[in-house]
Amino acid sequence: MNGVLVLLPIALLLGAIGLAAFFWALRNNQFDDPDGAAARILIDEDEDGDGRA
């Protein structure tokens, strides 16, 4: 029982730190992909999808 009283607050604290770090990254646009659209133009995809160029 004593282990639970120590480990549970530590686990909750680490979870809260991880959640705060995720929201910080989300707010600071860390998940934007400005190069993705530029690289997608180079991918050769046929328009009708039958596999022929």
N, C-alpha and C. Protein backbone atom coordinates (compact mmCIF):
# COMPACT_ATOMS: atom_id res chain seq x y z
N MET A 1 0.82 -1.20 0.00
CA MET A 1 0.00 0.00 0.00
C MET A 1 0.86 1.26 0.00
N ASN A 2 2.00 1.20 0.68
CA ASN A 2 2.86 2.37 0.72
C ASN A 2 3.44 2.68 -0.66
N GLY A 3 3.69 1.63 -1.45
CA GLY A 3 4.21 1.85 -2.78
C GLY A 3 3.22 2.58 -3.67
N VAL A 4 1.96 2.26 -3.52
CA VAL A 4 0.92 2.93 -4.30
C VAL A 4 0.83 4.40 -3.92
N LEU A 5 0.99 4.70 -2.66
CA LEU A 5 0.90 6.09 -2.20
C LEU A 5 2.07 6.93 -2.72
N VAL A 6 3.17 6.29 -3.07
CA VAL A 6 4.32 7.01 -3.61
C VAL A 6 4.27 7.03 -5.13
N LEU A 7 3.98 5.88 -5.74
CA LEU A 7 4.06 5.78 -7.19
C LEU A 7 2.89 6.44 -7.91
N LEU A 8 1.73 6.46 -7.32
CA LEU A 8 0.58 7.07 -7.99
C LEU A 8 0.76 8.57 -8.20
N PRO A 9 1.17 9.34 -7.23
CA PRO A 9 1.40 10.77 -7.50
C PRO A 9 2.53 11.01 -8.49
N ILE A 10 3.56 10.17 -8.46
CA ILE A 10 4.65 10.32 -9.42
C ILE A 10 4.14 10.06 -10.83
N ALA A 11 3.33 9.03 -11.01
CA ALA A 11 2.77 8.72 -12.32
C ALA A 11 1.85 9.84 -12.81
N LEU A 12 1.04 10.38 -11.93
CA LEU A 12 0.16 11.49 -12.31
C LEU A 12 0.96 12.73 -12.67
N LEU A 13 2.04 12.99 -11.94
CA LEU A 13 2.88 14.15 -12.23
C LEU A 13 3.57 13.99 -13.59
N LEU A 14 4.09 12.82 -13.87
CA LEU A 14 4.74 12.59 -15.16
C LEU A 14 3.73 12.68 -16.31
N GLY A 15 2.53 12.19 -16.09
CA GLY A 15 1.49 12.31 -17.11
C GLY A 15 1.11 13.76 -17.37
N ALA A 16 1.02 14.54 -16.31
CA ALA A 16 0.70 15.96 -16.46
C ALA A 16 1.82 16.71 -17.17
N ILE A 17 3.06 16.35 -16.89
CA ILE A 17 4.19 16.98 -17.57
C ILE A 17 4.17 16.64 -19.06
N GLY A 18 3.88 15.38 -19.39
CA GLY A 18 3.79 14.98 -20.79
C GLY A 18 2.65 15.69 -21.51
N LEU A 19 1.53 15.82 -20.87
CA LEU A 19 0.38 16.51 -21.47
C LEU A 19 0.68 17.99 -21.66
N ALA A 20 1.35 18.61 -20.69
CA ALA A 20 1.73 20.02 -20.82
C ALA A 20 2.72 20.20 -21.96
N ALA A 21 3.66 19.27 -22.11
CA ALA A 21 4.63 19.36 -23.21
C ALA A 21 3.94 19.21 -24.56
N PHE A 22 2.95 18.33 -24.65
CA PHE A 22 2.20 18.16 -25.89
C PHE A 22 1.44 19.44 -26.25
N PHE A 23 0.76 20.04 -25.29
CA PHE A 23 0.02 21.26 -25.58
C PHE A 23 0.95 22.42 -25.91
N TRP A 24 2.14 22.47 -25.27
CA TRP A 24 3.12 23.49 -25.62
C TRP A 24 3.55 23.33 -27.07
N ALA A 25 3.84 22.10 -27.49
CA ALA A 25 4.27 21.85 -28.86
C ALA A 25 3.15 22.18 -29.83
N LEU A 26 1.93 21.87 -29.48
CA LEU A 26 0.79 22.16 -30.33
C LEU A 26 0.60 23.67 -30.49
N ARG A 27 0.76 24.41 -29.41
CA ARG A 27 0.58 25.86 -29.43
C ARG A 27 1.70 26.56 -30.19
N ASN A 28 2.90 26.00 -30.19
CA ASN A 28 4.04 26.61 -30.87
C ASN A 28 4.25 26.06 -32.28
N ASN A 29 3.23 25.46 -32.86
CA ASN A 29 3.23 24.98 -34.25
C ASN A 29 4.35 24.00 -34.54
N GLN A 30 4.64 23.12 -33.61
CA GLN A 30 5.69 22.14 -33.81
C GLN A 30 5.24 21.01 -34.74
N PHE A 31 3.95 20.90 -35.00
CA PHE A 31 3.43 19.82 -35.82
C PHE A 31 3.10 20.27 -37.24
N ASP A 32 3.44 21.50 -37.59
CA ASP A 32 3.23 21.98 -38.96
C ASP A 32 4.26 21.34 -39.88
N ASP A 33 3.89 21.16 -41.12
CA ASP A 33 4.78 20.54 -42.10
C ASP A 33 4.86 21.44 -43.34
N PRO A 34 5.66 22.50 -43.28
CA PRO A 34 5.73 23.40 -44.43
C PRO A 34 6.42 22.77 -45.64
N ASP A 35 7.29 21.80 -45.43
CA ASP A 35 7.98 21.17 -46.54
C ASP A 35 7.17 20.05 -47.17
N GLY A 36 6.14 19.59 -46.52
CA GLY A 36 5.34 18.48 -47.04
C GLY A 36 4.64 18.82 -48.33
N ALA A 37 4.05 20.00 -48.40
CA ALA A 37 3.35 20.39 -49.62
C ALA A 37 4.33 20.60 -50.77
N ALA A 38 5.51 21.11 -50.46
CA ALA A 38 6.52 21.31 -51.50
C ALA A 38 7.03 19.98 -52.03
N ALA A 39 7.15 18.99 -51.18
CA ALA A 39 7.65 17.68 -51.61
C ALA A 39 6.56 16.88 -52.33
N ARG A 40 5.30 17.13 -51.99
CA ARG A 40 4.21 16.39 -52.62
C ARG A 40 4.06 16.69 -54.10
N ILE A 41 4.49 17.87 -54.51
CA ILE A 41 4.38 18.23 -55.92
C ILE A 41 5.30 17.37 -56.77
N LEU A 42 6.34 16.80 -56.17
CA LEU A 42 7.31 15.99 -56.90
C LEU A 42 6.87 14.54 -57.06
N ILE A 43 5.87 14.11 -56.34
CA ILE A 43 5.40 12.73 -56.41
C ILE A 43 4.56 12.57 -57.67
N ASP A 44 4.92 11.58 -58.48
CA ASP A 44 4.23 11.35 -59.74
C ASP A 44 3.04 10.41 -59.51
N GLU A 45 1.85 10.97 -59.57
CA GLU A 45 0.63 10.18 -59.42
C GLU A 45 -0.21 10.38 -60.67
N ASP A 46 -0.66 9.28 -61.23
CA ASP A 46 -1.52 9.41 -62.40
C ASP A 46 -2.92 9.82 -61.96
N GLU A 47 -3.61 10.54 -62.82
CA GLU A 47 -4.88 11.12 -62.45
C GLU A 47 -6.03 10.13 -62.47
N ASP A 48 -6.02 9.16 -63.38
CA ASP A 48 -7.14 8.23 -63.47
C ASP A 48 -6.97 7.01 -62.59
N GLY A 49 -5.79 6.74 -62.07
CA GLY A 49 -5.57 5.67 -61.12
C GLY A 49 -5.52 4.28 -61.71
N ASP A 50 -5.33 4.12 -63.03
CA ASP A 50 -5.28 2.77 -63.60
C ASP A 50 -3.87 2.22 -63.70
N GLY A 51 -2.87 2.97 -63.24
CA GLY A 51 -1.51 2.47 -63.22
C GLY A 51 -0.71 2.77 -64.47
N ARG A 52 -1.36 3.31 -65.49
CA ARG A 52 -0.65 3.65 -66.72
C ARG A 52 -0.27 5.13 -66.69
N ALA A 53 0.91 5.42 -67.21
CA ALA A 53 1.37 6.82 -67.24
C ALA A 53 0.86 7.55 -68.45
